[in-house]
Amino acid sequence: MNPGLEAPKPEIVVYVIENSVPKDTVKEVLLGIEEEGLPYKKETTKNQITAEDLAYKAAESSHLGVGIGIDQHQVVLHYIKLRGDKPLFSISTNEDEEHLRAIGANAARVVKHMPFKMLEA
């Protein structure tokens, strides 16, 4: 096997703006992905762009085509087959832990082709 030609890992990519979001918010989203049994990769960035743009960039860099962007206001779930300005889900970072976990779980459910968890109150 050639060590220079490793295949990319199939994982959901999560981009978070550095020091803009409480750690518990990010933790709950990641736990939602874990509960569905899929791997993820979390990266922080200093770029001050919207969660929607972060989510689309995350989806572009995910081998599975699924990404989540988190800024100080929103958690956005995006799928690469959708237009950049039409994310799949968007919720406030102030939502309760059930909704934050649900958006993480829904990222995994896109990959697994399963029904989504409800995100409305």
PDB file of N, CA and C in Angstrom:
ATOM      1  N   MET A   1       0.849  -1.188   0.000  1.00  0.00           N
ATOM      2  CA  MET A   1       0.000   0.000   0.000  1.00  0.00           C
ATOM      3  C   MET A   1       0.886   1.240   0.000  1.00  0.00           C
ATOM      4  N   ASN A   2       0.495   2.201  -0.766  1.00  0.00           N
ATOM      5  CA  ASN A   2       1.255   3.445  -0.860  1.00  0.00           C
ATOM      6  C   ASN A   2       0.742   4.433   0.189  1.00  0.00           C
ATOM      7  N   PRO A   3       1.561   4.791   1.183  1.00  0.00           N
ATOM      8  CA  PRO A   3       1.076   5.679   2.249  1.00  0.00           C
ATOM      9  C   PRO A   3       0.716   7.076   1.759  1.00  0.00           C
ATOM     10  N   GLY A   4       1.179   7.483   0.616  1.00  0.00           N
ATOM     11  CA  GLY A   4       0.853   8.814   0.101  1.00  0.00           C
ATOM     12  C   GLY A   4      -0.488   8.896  -0.598  1.00  0.00           C
ATOM     13  N   LEU A   5      -1.128   7.733  -0.798  1.00  0.00           N
ATOM     14  CA  LEU A   5      -2.395   7.702  -1.528  1.00  0.00           C
ATOM     15  C   LEU A   5      -3.548   7.202  -0.653  1.00  0.00           C
ATOM     16  N   GLU A   6      -3.634   7.684   0.569  1.00  0.00           N
ATOM     17  CA  GLU A   6      -4.714   7.277   1.452  1.00  0.00           C
ATOM     18  C   GLU A   6      -6.027   7.895   1.002  1.00  0.00           C
ATOM     19  N   ALA A   7      -7.088   7.102   1.063  1.00  0.00           N
ATOM     20  CA  ALA A   7      -8.415   7.589   0.702  1.00  0.00           C
ATOM     21  C   ALA A   7      -8.935   8.514   1.794  1.00  0.00           C
ATOM     22  N   PRO A   8      -9.728   9.532   1.409  1.00  0.00           N
ATOM     23  CA  PRO A   8     -10.296  10.404   2.446  1.00  0.00           C
ATOM     24  C   PRO A   8     -11.282   9.628   3.307  1.00  0.00           C
ATOM     25  N   LYS A   9     -11.372  10.010   4.591  1.00  0.00           N
ATOM     26  CA  LYS A   9     -12.283   9.341   5.510  1.00  0.00           C
ATOM     27  C   LYS A   9     -13.713   9.785   5.232  1.00  0.00           C
ATOM     28  N   PRO A  10     -14.643   8.829   5.249  1.00  0.00           N
ATOM     29  CA  PRO A  10     -16.044   9.229   5.125  1.00  0.00           C
ATOM     30  C   PRO A  10     -16.541   9.770   6.467  1.00  0.00           C
ATOM     31  N   GLU A  11     -16.702  11.067   6.559  1.00  0.00           N
ATOM     32  CA  GLU A  11     -17.120  11.686   7.820  1.00  0.00           C
ATOM     33  C   GLU A  11     -17.892  12.972   7.557  1.00  0.00           C
ATOM     34  N   ILE A  12     -18.704  13.332   8.510  1.00  0.00           N
ATOM     35  CA  ILE A  12     -19.430  14.596   8.467  1.00  0.00           C
ATOM     36  C   ILE A  12     -18.479  15.667   8.970  1.00  0.00           C
ATOM     37  N   VAL A  13     -18.403  16.781   8.269  1.00  0.00           N
ATOM     38  CA  VAL A  13     -17.484  17.853   8.651  1.00  0.00           C
ATOM     39  C   VAL A  13     -18.271  18.965   9.359  1.00  0.00           C
ATOM     40  N   VAL A  14     -17.736  19.405  10.487  1.00  0.00           N
ATOM     41  CA  VAL A  14     -18.359  20.474  11.278  1.00  0.00           C
ATOM     42  C   VAL A  14     -17.353  21.612  11.393  1.00  0.00           C
ATOM     43  N   TYR A  15     -17.729  22.793  10.901  1.00  0.00           N
ATOM     44  CA  TYR A  15     -16.892  23.977  11.026  1.00  0.00           C
ATOM     45  C   TYR A  15     -17.501  24.910  12.067  1.00  0.00           C
ATOM     46  N   VAL A  16     -16.655  25.397  12.960  1.00  0.00           N
ATOM     47  CA  VAL A  16     -17.093  26.285  14.037  1.00  0.00           C
ATOM     48  C   VAL A  16     -16.198  27.517  14.039  1.00  0.00           C
ATOM     49  N   ILE A  17     -16.794  28.697  14.158  1.00  0.00           N
ATOM     50  CA  ILE A  17     -15.995  29.912  14.274  1.00  0.00           C
ATOM     51  C   ILE A  17     -15.375  29.942  15.668  1.00  0.00           C
ATOM     52  N   GLU A  18     -14.068  30.073  15.695  1.00  0.00           N
ATOM     53  CA  GLU A  18     -13.299  30.006  16.924  1.00  0.00           C
ATOM     54  C   GLU A  18     -13.774  31.023  17.966  1.00  0.00           C
ATOM     55  N   ASN A  19     -13.968  30.564  19.194  1.00  0.00           N
ATOM     56  CA  ASN A  19     -14.335  31.390  20.351  1.00  0.00           C
ATOM     57  C   ASN A  19     -15.628  32.181  20.182  1.00  0.00           C
ATOM     58  N   SER A  20     -16.534  31.707  19.333  1.00  0.00           N
ATOM     59  CA  SER A  20     -17.785  32.446  19.149  1.00  0.00           C
ATOM     60  C   SER A  20     -18.989  31.702  19.699  1.00  0.00           C
ATOM     61  N   VAL A  21     -18.800  30.431  20.033  1.00  0.00           N
ATOM     62  CA  VAL A  21     -19.923  29.593  20.431  1.00  0.00           C
ATOM     63  C   VAL A  21     -19.574  28.885  21.737  1.00  0.00           C
ATOM     64  N   PRO A  22     -20.539  28.788  22.673  1.00  0.00           N
ATOM     65  CA  PRO A  22     -20.270  28.014  23.889  1.00  0.00           C
ATOM     66  C   PRO A  22     -19.931  26.558  23.542  1.00  0.00           C
ATOM     67  N   LYS A  23     -18.976  25.991  24.285  1.00  0.00           N
ATOM     68  CA  LYS A  23     -18.548  24.614  24.004  1.00  0.00           C
ATOM     69  C   LYS A  23     -19.703  23.628  24.128  1.00  0.00           C
ATOM     70  N   ASP A  24     -20.640  23.884  25.039  1.00  0.00           N
ATOM     71  CA  ASP A  24     -21.771  22.972  25.208  1.00  0.00           C
ATOM     72  C   ASP A  24     -22.638  22.910  23.955  1.00  0.00           C
ATOM     73  N   THR A  25     -22.764  24.005  23.244  1.00  0.00           N
ATOM     74  CA  THR A  25     -23.542  24.015  22.010  1.00  0.00           C
ATOM     75  C   THR A  25     -22.920  23.069  20.995  1.00  0.00           C
ATOM     76  N   VAL A  26     -21.635  23.190  20.778  1.00  0.00           N
ATOM     77  CA  VAL A  26     -20.932  22.337  19.823  1.00  0.00           C
ATOM     78  C   VAL A  26     -20.987  20.887  20.294  1.00  0.00           C
ATOM     79  N   LYS A  27     -20.787  20.685  21.587  1.00  0.00           N
ATOM     80  CA  LYS A  27     -20.788  19.326  22.146  1.00  0.00           C
ATOM     81  C   LYS A  27     -22.115  18.619  21.871  1.00  0.00           C
ATOM     82  N   GLU A  28     -23.219  19.306  22.060  1.00  0.00           N
ATOM     83  CA  GLU A  28     -24.533  18.678  21.842  1.00  0.00           C
ATOM     84  C   GLU A  28     -24.738  18.304  20.376  1.00  0.00           C
ATOM     85  N   VAL A  29     -24.306  19.159  19.466  1.00  0.00           N
ATOM     86  CA  VAL A  29     -24.429  18.849  18.034  1.00  0.00           C
ATOM     87  C   VAL A  29     -23.599  17.606  17.700  1.00  0.00           C
ATOM     88  N   LEU A  30     -22.378  17.551  18.214  1.00  0.00           N
ATOM     89  CA  LEU A  30     -21.500  16.409  17.936  1.00  0.00           C
ATOM     90  C   LEU A  30     -22.056  15.124  18.560  1.00  0.00           C
ATOM     91  N   LEU A  31     -22.658  15.224  19.750  1.00  0.00           N
ATOM     92  CA  LEU A  31     -23.269  14.048  20.381  1.00  0.00           C
ATOM     93  C   LEU A  31     -24.421  13.511  19.529  1.00  0.00           C
ATOM     94  N   GLY A  32     -25.146  14.401  18.889  1.00  0.00           N
ATOM     95  CA  GLY A  32     -26.231  13.958  17.996  1.00  0.00           C
ATOM     96  C   GLY A  32     -25.701  13.127  16.839  1.00  0.00           C
ATOM     97  N   ILE A  33     -24.558  13.519  16.283  1.00  0.00           N
ATOM     98  CA  ILE A  33     -23.942  12.738  15.201  1.00  0.00           C
ATOM     99  C   ILE A  33     -23.483  11.386  15.751  1.00  0.00           C
ATOM    100  N   GLU A  34     -22.811  11.420  16.905  1.00  0.00           N
ATOM    101  CA  GLU A  34     -22.312  10.181  17.521  1.00  0.00           C
ATOM    102  C   GLU A  34     -23.429   9.200  17.826  1.00  0.00           C
ATOM    103  N   GLU A  35     -24.538   9.704  18.315  1.00  0.00           N
ATOM    104  CA  GLU A  35     -25.665   8.827  18.656  1.00  0.00           C
ATOM    105  C   GLU A  35     -26.180   8.061  17.450  1.00  0.00           C
ATOM    106  N   GLU A  36     -25.985   8.616  16.270  1.00  0.00           N
ATOM    107  CA  GLU A  36     -26.415   7.930  15.042  1.00  0.00           C
ATOM    108  C   GLU A  36     -25.315   7.039  14.485  1.00  0.00           C
ATOM    109  N   GLY A  37     -24.155   7.035  15.148  1.00  0.00           N
ATOM    110  CA  GLY A  37     -23.090   6.105  14.777  1.00  0.00           C
ATOM    111  C   GLY A  37     -22.229   6.502  13.600  1.00  0.00           C
ATOM    112  N   LEU A  38     -22.202   7.773  13.256  1.00  0.00           N
ATOM    113  CA  LEU A  38     -21.351   8.200  12.148  1.00  0.00           C
ATOM    114  C   LEU A  38     -20.158   9.013  12.651  1.00  0.00           C
ATOM    115  N   PRO A  39     -19.030   8.923  11.961  1.00  0.00           N
ATOM    116  CA  PRO A  39     -17.863   9.706  12.350  1.00  0.00           C
ATOM    117  C   PRO A  39     -17.997  11.163  11.897  1.00  0.00           C
ATOM    118  N   TYR A  40     -17.285  12.028  12.599  1.00  0.00           N
ATOM    119  CA  TYR A  40     -17.285  13.436  12.230  1.00  0.00           C
ATOM    120  C   TYR A  40     -15.879  14.001  12.407  1.00  0.00           C
ATOM    121  N   LYS A  41     -15.669  15.140  11.799  1.00  0.00           N
ATOM    122  CA  LYS A  41     -14.423  15.880  11.980  1.00  0.00           C
ATOM    123  C   LYS A  41     -14.804  17.318  12.293  1.00  0.00           C
ATOM    124  N   LYS A  42     -14.334  17.827  13.434  1.00  0.00           N
ATOM    125  CA  LYS A  42     -14.628  19.214  13.822  1.00  0.00           C
ATOM    126  C   LYS A  42     -13.387  20.058  13.601  1.00  0.00           C
ATOM    127  N   GLU A  43     -13.584  21.187  12.949  1.00  0.00           N
ATOM    128  CA  GLU A  43     -12.480  22.124  12.742  1.00  0.00           C
ATOM    129  C   GLU A  43     -12.949  23.512  13.136  1.00  0.00           C
ATOM    130  N   THR A  44     -12.053  24.282  13.710  1.00  0.00           N
ATOM    131  CA  THR A  44     -12.378  25.669  14.024  1.00  0.00           C
ATOM    132  C   THR A  44     -11.725  26.565  12.985  1.00  0.00           C
ATOM    133  N   THR A  45     -12.351  27.704  12.776  1.00  0.00           N
ATOM    134  CA  THR A  45     -11.833  28.662  11.822  1.00  0.00           C
ATOM    135  C   THR A  45     -11.922  30.061  12.412  1.00  0.00           C
ATOM    136  N   LYS A  46     -11.077  30.937  11.935  1.00  0.00           N
ATOM    137  CA  LYS A  46     -11.123  32.334  12.371  1.00  0.00           C
ATOM    138  C   LYS A  46     -11.893  33.194  11.374  1.00  0.00           C
ATOM    139  N   ASN A  47     -12.271  32.595  10.237  1.00  0.00           N
ATOM    140  CA  ASN A  47     -13.029  33.331   9.222  1.00  0.00           C
ATOM    141  C   ASN A  47     -14.363  33.781   9.797  1.00  0.00           C
ATOM    142  N   GLN A  48     -14.697  35.015   9.621  1.00  0.00           N
ATOM    143  CA  GLN A  48     -15.961  35.543  10.112  1.00  0.00           C
ATOM    144  C   GLN A  48     -16.993  35.498   9.002  1.00  0.00           C
ATOM    145  N   ILE A  49     -17.433  34.302   8.653  1.00  0.00           N
ATOM    146  CA  ILE A  49     -18.490  34.143   7.660  1.00  0.00           C
ATOM    147  C   ILE A  49     -19.701  33.520   8.350  1.00  0.00           C
ATOM    148  N   THR A  50     -20.818  33.515   7.653  1.00  0.00           N
ATOM    149  CA  THR A  50     -22.052  33.033   8.269  1.00  0.00           C
ATOM    150  C   THR A  50     -22.018  31.515   8.447  1.00  0.00           C
ATOM    151  N   ALA A  51     -22.875  31.044   9.349  1.00  0.00           N
ATOM    152  CA  ALA A  51     -22.999  29.600   9.567  1.00  0.00           C
ATOM    153  C   ALA A  51     -23.440  28.902   8.288  1.00  0.00           C
ATOM    154  N   GLU A  52     -24.282  29.570   7.496  1.00  0.00           N
ATOM    155  CA  GLU A  52     -24.748  28.986   6.231  1.00  0.00           C
ATOM    156  C   GLU A  52     -23.577  28.762   5.273  1.00  0.00           C
ATOM    157  N   ASP A  53     -22.713  29.754   5.139  1.00  0.00           N
ATOM    158  CA  ASP A  53     -21.540  29.602   4.270  1.00  0.00           C
ATOM    159  C   ASP A  53     -20.574  28.563   4.831  1.00  0.00           C
ATOM    160  N   LEU A  54     -20.406  28.561   6.161  1.00  0.00           N
ATOM    161  CA  LEU A  54     -19.548  27.549   6.792  1.00  0.00           C
ATOM    162  C   LEU A  54     -20.079  26.143   6.524  1.00  0.00           C
ATOM    163  N   ALA A  55     -21.384  25.987   6.654  1.00  0.00           N
ATOM    164  CA  ALA A  55     -21.997  24.667   6.448  1.00  0.00           C
ATOM    165  C   ALA A  55     -21.790  24.197   5.012  1.00  0.00           C
ATOM    166  N   TYR A  56     -21.932  25.102   4.058  1.00  0.00           N
ATOM    167  CA  TYR A  56     -21.748  24.705   2.652  1.00  0.00           C
ATOM    168  C   TYR A  56     -20.289  24.327   2.400  1.00  0.00           C
ATOM    169  N   LYS A  57     -19.364  25.098   2.952  1.00  0.00           N
ATOM    170  CA  LYS A  57     -17.937  24.759   2.805  1.00  0.00           C
ATOM    171  C   LYS A  57     -17.629  23.421   3.469  1.00  0.00           C
ATOM    172  N   ALA A  58     -18.250  23.176   4.621  1.00  0.00           N
ATOM    173  CA  ALA A  58     -18.055  21.894   5.311  1.00  0.00           C
ATOM    174  C   ALA A  58     -18.585  20.747   4.456  1.00  0.00           C
ATOM    175  N   ALA A  59     -19.747  20.943   3.845  1.00  0.00           N
ATOM    176  CA  ALA A  59     -20.317  19.900   2.982  1.00  0.00           C
ATOM    177  C   ALA A  59     -19.403  19.647   1.778  1.00  0.00           C
ATOM    178  N   GLU A  60     -18.819  20.719   1.247  1.00  0.00           N
ATOM    179  CA  GLU A  60     -17.898  20.562   0.109  1.00  0.00           C
ATOM    180  C   GLU A  60     -16.664  19.745   0.498  1.00  0.00           C
ATOM    181  N   SER A  61     -16.203  19.903   1.719  1.00  0.00           N
ATOM    182  CA  SER A  61     -14.991  19.195   2.117  1.00  0.00           C
ATOM    183  C   SER A  61     -15.272  17.816   2.716  1.00  0.00           C
ATOM    184  N   SER A  62     -16.536  17.503   2.959  1.00  0.00           N
ATOM    185  CA  SER A  62     -16.906  16.192   3.498  1.00  0.00           C
ATOM    186  C   SER A  62     -16.982  15.173   2.365  1.00  0.00           C
ATOM    187  N   HIS A  63     -16.393  14.027   2.565  1.00  0.00           N
ATOM    188  CA  HIS A  63     -16.479  12.956   1.574  1.00  0.00           C
ATOM    189  C   HIS A  63     -17.921  12.460   1.453  1.00  0.00           C
ATOM    190  N   LEU A  64     -18.718  12.654   2.497  1.00  0.00           N
ATOM    191  CA  LEU A  64     -20.127  12.266   2.485  1.00  0.00           C
ATOM    192  C   LEU A  64     -21.030  13.370   1.940  1.00  0.00           C
ATOM    193  N   GLY A  65     -20.474  14.566   1.756  1.00  0.00           N
ATOM    194  CA  GLY A  65     -21.259  15.685   1.229  1.00  0.00           C
ATOM    195  C   GLY A  65     -22.167  16.324   2.254  1.00  0.00           C
ATOM    196  N   VAL A  66     -21.905  16.098   3.537  1.00  0.00           N
ATOM    197  CA  VAL A  66     -22.752  16.641   4.605  1.00  0.00           C
ATOM    198  C   VAL A  66     -21.892  17.486   5.537  1.00  0.00           C
ATOM    199  N   GLY A  67     -22.337  18.718   5.795  1.00  0.00           N
ATOM    200  CA  GLY A  67     -21.570  19.594   6.663  1.00  0.00           C
ATOM    201  C   GLY A  67     -22.453  20.424   7.571  1.00  0.00           C
ATOM    202  N   ILE A  68     -21.881  20.814   8.695  1.00  0.00           N
ATOM    203  CA  ILE A  68     -22.560  21.685   9.654  1.00  0.00           C
ATOM    204  C   ILE A  68     -21.674  22.895   9.892  1.00  0.00           C
ATOM    205  N   GLY A  69     -22.280  24.074   9.893  1.00  0.00           N
ATOM    206  CA  GLY A  69     -21.578  25.302  10.216  1.00  0.00           C
ATOM    207  C   GLY A  69     -22.191  25.927  11.459  1.00  0.00           C
ATOM    208  N   ILE A  70     -21.336  26.386  12.357  1.00  0.00           N
ATOM    209  CA  ILE A  70     -21.826  26.983  13.605  1.00  0.00           C
ATOM    210  C   ILE A  70     -21.141  28.327  13.809  1.00  0.00           C
ATOM    211  N   ASP A  71     -21.946  29.391  13.879  1.00  0.00           N
ATOM    212  CA  ASP A  71     -21.413  30.696  14.259  1.00  0.00           C
ATOM    213  C   ASP A  71     -22.095  31.132  15.557  1.00  0.00           C
ATOM    214  N   GLN A  72     -21.950  32.363  15.952  1.00  0.00           N
ATOM    215  CA  GLN A  72     -22.502  32.796  17.239  1.00  0.00           C
ATOM    216  C   GLN A  72     -24.026  32.837  17.263  1.00  0.00           C
ATOM    217  N   HIS A  73     -24.682  32.787  16.085  1.00  0.00           N
ATOM    218  CA  HIS A  73     -26.134  32.899  16.032  1.00  0.00           C
ATOM    219  C   HIS A  73     -26.858  31.627  15.604  1.00  0.00           C
ATOM    220  N   GLN A  74     -26.232  30.860  14.723  1.00  0.00           N
ATOM    221  CA  GLN A  74     -26.947  29.745  14.113  1.00  0.00           C
ATOM    222  C   GLN A  74     -26.121  28.466  14.024  1.00  0.00           C
ATOM    223  N   VAL A  75     -26.860  27.356  13.969  1.00  0.00           N
ATOM    224  CA  VAL A  75     -26.314  26.048  13.611  1.00  0.00           C
ATOM    225  C   VAL A  75     -27.014  25.659  12.315  1.00  0.00           C
ATOM    226  N   VAL A  76     -26.230  25.434  11.252  1.00  0.00           N
ATOM    227  CA  VAL A  76     -26.805  25.168   9.936  1.00  0.00           C
ATOM    228  C   VAL A  76     -26.294  23.826   9.418  1.00  0.00           C
ATOM    229  N   LEU A  77     -27.229  23.017   8.917  1.00  0.00           N
ATOM    230  CA  LEU A  77     -26.909  21.729   8.300  1.00  0.00           C
ATOM    231  C   LEU A  77     -27.071  21.874   6.795  1.00  0.00           C
ATOM    232  N   HIS A  78     -26.030  21.480   6.051  1.00  0.00           N
ATOM    233  CA  HIS A  78     -26.073  21.594   4.595  1.00  0.00           C
ATOM    234  C   HIS A  78     -25.709  20.277   3.939  1.00  0.00           C
ATOM    235  N   TYR A  79     -26.259  20.090   2.750  1.00  0.00           N
ATOM    236  CA  TYR A  79     -25.979  18.908   1.926  1.00  0.00           C
ATOM    237  C   TYR A  79     -25.459  19.395   0.581  1.00  0.00           C
ATOM    238  N   ILE A  80     -24.421  18.764   0.091  1.00  0.00           N
ATOM    239  CA  ILE A  80     -23.711  19.249  -1.091  1.00  0.00           C
ATOM    240  C   ILE A  80     -24.598  19.321  -2.332  1.00  0.00           C
ATOM    241  N   LYS A  81     -25.650  18.531  -2.392  1.00  0.00           N
ATOM    242  CA  LYS A  81     -26.502  18.530  -3.579  1.00  0.00           C
ATOM    243  C   LYS A  81     -27.509  19.673  -3.586  1.00  0.00           C
ATOM    244  N   LEU A  82     -27.540  20.456  -2.525  1.00  0.00           N
ATOM    245  CA  LEU A  82     -28.445  21.607  -2.454  1.00  0.00           C
ATOM    246  C   LEU A  82     -27.693  22.880  -2.832  1.00  0.00           C
ATOM    247  N   ARG A  83     -28.451  23.899  -3.257  1.00  0.00           N
ATOM    248  CA  ARG A  83     -27.825  25.195  -3.560  1.00  0.00           C
ATOM    249  C   ARG A  83     -27.236  25.785  -2.283  1.00  0.00           C
ATOM    250  N   GLY A  84     -26.181  26.564  -2.446  1.00  0.00           N
ATOM    251  CA  GLY A  84     -25.492  27.156  -1.307  1.00  0.00           C
ATOM    252  C   GLY A  84     -26.380  27.972  -0.393  1.00  0.00           C
ATOM    253  N   ASP A  85     -27.403  28.623  -0.972  1.00  0.00           N
ATOM    254  CA  ASP A  85     -28.283  29.471  -0.165  1.00  0.00           C
ATOM    255  C   ASP A  85     -29.539  28.733   0.308  1.00  0.00           C
ATOM    256  N   LYS A  86     -29.562  27.430   0.143  1.00  0.00           N
ATOM    257  CA  LYS A  86     -30.736  26.629   0.548  1.00  0.00           C
ATOM    258  C   LYS A  86     -30.309  25.467   1.447  1.00  0.00           C
ATOM    259  N   PRO A  87     -29.907  25.764   2.695  1.00  0.00           N
ATOM    260  CA  PRO A  87     -29.487  24.683   3.597  1.00  0.00           C
ATOM    261  C   PRO A  87     -30.664  23.787   3.969  1.00  0.00           C
ATOM    262  N   LEU A  88     -30.354  22.633   4.477  1.00  0.00           N
ATOM    263  CA  LEU A  88     -31.374  21.660   4.864  1.00  0.00           C
ATOM    264  C   LEU A  88     -32.087  22.088   6.145  1.00  0.00           C
ATOM    265  N   PHE A  89     -31.316  22.467   7.166  1.00  0.00           N
ATOM    266  CA  PHE A  89     -31.877  22.914   8.443  1.00  0.00           C
ATOM    267  C   PHE A  89     -31.046  24.062   8.996  1.00  0.00           C
ATOM    268  N   SER A  90     -31.715  24.917   9.751  1.00  0.00           N
ATOM    269  CA  SER A  90     -31.041  26.017  10.430  1.00  0.00           C
ATOM    270  C   SER A  90     -31.773  26.272  11.744  1.00  0.00           C
ATOM    271  N   ILE A  91     -31.020  26.282  12.853  1.00  0.00           N
ATOM    272  CA  ILE A  91     -31.620  26.581  14.152  1.00  0.00           C
ATOM    273  C   ILE A  91     -30.724  27.573  14.887  1.00  0.00           C
ATOM    274  N   SER A  92     -31.276  28.192  15.908  1.00  0.00           N
ATOM    275  CA  SER A  92     -30.510  29.134  16.722  1.00  0.00           C
ATOM    276  C   SER A  92     -29.543  28.378  17.635  1.00  0.00           C
ATOM    277  N   THR A  93     -28.418  28.999  17.932  1.00  0.00           N
ATOM    278  CA  THR A  93     -27.482  28.391  18.894  1.00  0.00           C
ATOM    279  C   THR A  93     -28.059  28.411  20.314  1.00  0.00           C
ATOM    280  N   ASN A  94     -29.152  29.157  20.512  1.00  0.00           N
ATOM    281  CA  ASN A  94     -29.797  29.225  21.834  1.00  0.00           C
ATOM    282  C   ASN A  94     -30.839  28.136  22.051  1.00  0.00           C
ATOM    283  N   GLU A  95     -31.001  27.248  21.077  1.00  0.00           N
ATOM    284  CA  GLU A  95     -31.974  26.151  21.232  1.00  0.00           C
ATOM    285  C   GLU A  95     -31.562  25.242  22.393  1.00  0.00           C
ATOM    286  N   ASP A  96     -32.537  24.477  22.887  1.00  0.00           N
ATOM    287  CA  ASP A  96     -32.214  23.543  23.979  1.00  0.00           C
ATOM    288  C   ASP A  96     -31.391  22.375  23.434  1.00  0.00           C
ATOM    289  N   GLU A  97     -30.847  21.585  24.369  1.00  0.00           N
ATOM    290  CA  GLU A  97     -29.938  20.510  23.952  1.00  0.00           C
ATOM    291  C   GLU A  97     -30.621  19.470  23.075  1.00  0.00           C
ATOM    292  N   GLU A  98     -31.906  19.253  23.258  1.00  0.00           N
ATOM    293  CA  GLU A  98     -32.632  18.278  22.423  1.00  0.00           C
ATOM    294  C   GLU A  98     -32.587  18.686  20.950  1.00  0.00           C
ATOM    295  N   HIS A  99     -32.809  19.962  20.683  1.00  0.00           N
ATOM    296  CA  HIS A  99     -32.791  20.429  19.292  1.00  0.00           C
ATOM    297  C   HIS A  99     -31.376  20.461  18.725  1.00  0.00           C
ATOM    298  N   LEU A 100     -30.397  20.822  19.561  1.00  0.00           N
ATOM    299  CA  LEU A 100     -29.007  20.832  19.084  1.00  0.00           C
ATOM    300  C   LEU A 100     -28.555  19.418  18.723  1.00  0.00           C
ATOM    301  N   ARG A 101     -28.941  18.440  19.563  1.00  0.00           N
ATOM    302  CA  ARG A 101     -28.606  17.042  19.239  1.00  0.00           C
ATOM    303  C   ARG A 101     -29.355  16.584  17.991  1.00  0.00           C
ATOM    304  N   ALA A 102     -30.586  17.042  17.840  1.00  0.00           N
ATOM    305  CA  ALA A 102     -31.393  16.613  16.692  1.00  0.00           C
ATOM    306  C   ALA A 102     -30.776  17.072  15.375  1.00  0.00           C
ATOM    307  N   ILE A 103     -30.221  18.275  15.322  1.00  0.00           N
ATOM    308  CA  ILE A 103     -29.627  18.723  14.058  1.00  0.00           C
ATOM    309  C   ILE A 103     -28.364  17.908  13.757  1.00  0.00           C
ATOM    310  N   GLY A 104     -27.622  17.529  14.794  1.00  0.00           N
ATOM    311  CA  GLY A 104     -26.474  16.641  14.586  1.00  0.00           C
ATOM    312  C   GLY A 104     -26.930  15.269  14.100  1.00  0.00           C
ATOM    313  N   ALA A 105     -27.980  14.754  14.736  1.00  0.00           N
ATOM    314  CA  ALA A 105     -28.523  13.451  14.326  1.00  0.00           C
ATOM    315  C   ALA A 105     -29.031  13.516  12.886  1.00  0.00           C
ATOM    316  N   ASN A 106     -29.651  14.630  12.519  1.00  0.00           N
ATOM    317  CA  ASN A 106     -30.173  14.760  11.157  1.00  0.00           C
ATOM    318  C   ASN A 106     -29.047  14.785  10.122  1.00  0.00           C
ATOM    319  N   ALA A 107     -27.897  15.303  10.488  1.00  0.00           N
ATOM    320  CA  ALA A 107     -26.751  15.254   9.566  1.00  0.00           C
ATOM    321  C   ALA A 107     -26.410  13.794   9.270  1.00  0.00           C
ATOM    322  N   ALA A 108     -26.406  12.976  10.301  1.00  0.00           N
ATOM    323  CA  ALA A 108     -26.130  11.553  10.106  1.00  0.00           C
ATOM    324  C   ALA A 108     -27.257  10.881   9.333  1.00  0.00           C
ATOM    325  N   ARG A 109     -28.474  11.301   9.575  1.00  0.00           N
ATOM    326  CA  ARG A 109     -29.627  10.680   8.902  1.00  0.00           C
ATOM    327  C   ARG A 109     -29.682  11.021   7.419  1.00  0.00           C
ATOM    328  N   VAL A 110     -29.087  12.126   7.010  1.00  0.00           N
ATOM    329  CA  VAL A 110     -28.962  12.406   5.568  1.00  0.00           C
ATOM    330  C   VAL A 110     -28.158  11.279   4.928  1.00  0.00           C
ATOM    331  N   VAL A 111     -27.060  10.923   5.581  1.00  0.00           N
ATOM    332  CA  VAL A 111     -26.169   9.883   5.049  1.00  0.00           C
ATOM    333  C   VAL A 111     -26.860   8.525   5.078  1.00  0.00           C
ATOM    334  N   LYS A 112     -27.586   8.252   6.162  1.00  0.00           N
ATOM    335  CA  LYS A 112     -28.219   6.950   6.352  1.00  0.00           C
ATOM    336  C   LYS A 112     -29.565   6.831   5.629  1.00  0.00           C
ATOM    337  N   HIS A 113     -30.036   7.907   4.998  1.00  0.00           N
ATOM    338  CA  HIS A 113     -31.334   7.927   4.298  1.00  0.00           C
ATOM    339  C   HIS A 113     -32.461   7.522   5.247  1.00  0.00           C
ATOM    340  N   MET A 114     -32.473   8.134   6.419  1.00  0.00           N
ATOM    341  CA  MET A 114     -33.511   7.874   7.419  1.00  0.00           C
ATOM    342  C   MET A 114     -34.351   9.136   7.616  1.00  0.00           C
ATOM    343  N   PRO A 115     -35.581   8.988   8.133  1.00  0.00           N
ATOM    344  CA  PRO A 115     -36.411  10.172   8.418  1.00  0.00           C
ATOM    345  C   PRO A 115     -35.718  11.093   9.423  1.00  0.00           C
ATOM    346  N   PHE A 116     -35.961  12.388   9.261  1.00  0.00           N
ATOM    347  CA  PHE A 116     -35.335  13.378  10.136  1.00  0.00           C
ATOM    348  C   PHE A 116     -36.062  13.476  11.476  1.00  0.00           C
ATOM    349  N   LYS A 117     -35.309  13.897  12.499  1.00  0.00           N
ATOM    350  CA  LYS A 117     -35.904  14.245  13.787  1.00  0.00           C
ATOM    351  C   LYS A 117     -36.515  15.633  13.663  1.00  0.00           C
ATOM    352  N   MET A 118     -37.583  15.862  14.401  1.00  0.00           N
ATOM    353  CA  MET A 118     -38.265  17.158  14.358  1.00  0.00           C
ATOM    354  C   MET A 118     -37.401  18.228  15.022  1.00  0.00           C
ATOM    355  N   LEU A 119     -37.347  19.398  14.402  1.00  0.00           N
ATOM    356  CA  LEU A 119     -36.575  20.506  14.961  1.00  0.00           C
ATOM    357  C   LEU A 119     -37.458  21.665  15.402  1.00  0.00           C
ATOM    358  N   GLU A 120     -38.760  21.547  15.214  1.00  0.00           N
ATOM    359  CA  GLU A 120     -39.667  22.628  15.589  1.00  0.00           C
ATOM    360  C   GLU A 120     -40.206  22.388  16.994  1.00  0.00           C
ATOM    361  N   ALA A 121     -40.474  23.477  17.694  1.00  0.00           N
ATOM    362  CA  ALA A 121     -40.972  23.376  19.080  1.00  0.00           C
ATOM    363  C   ALA A 121     -42.396  22.892  19.130  1.00  0.00           C
TER     364      ALA A 121
END
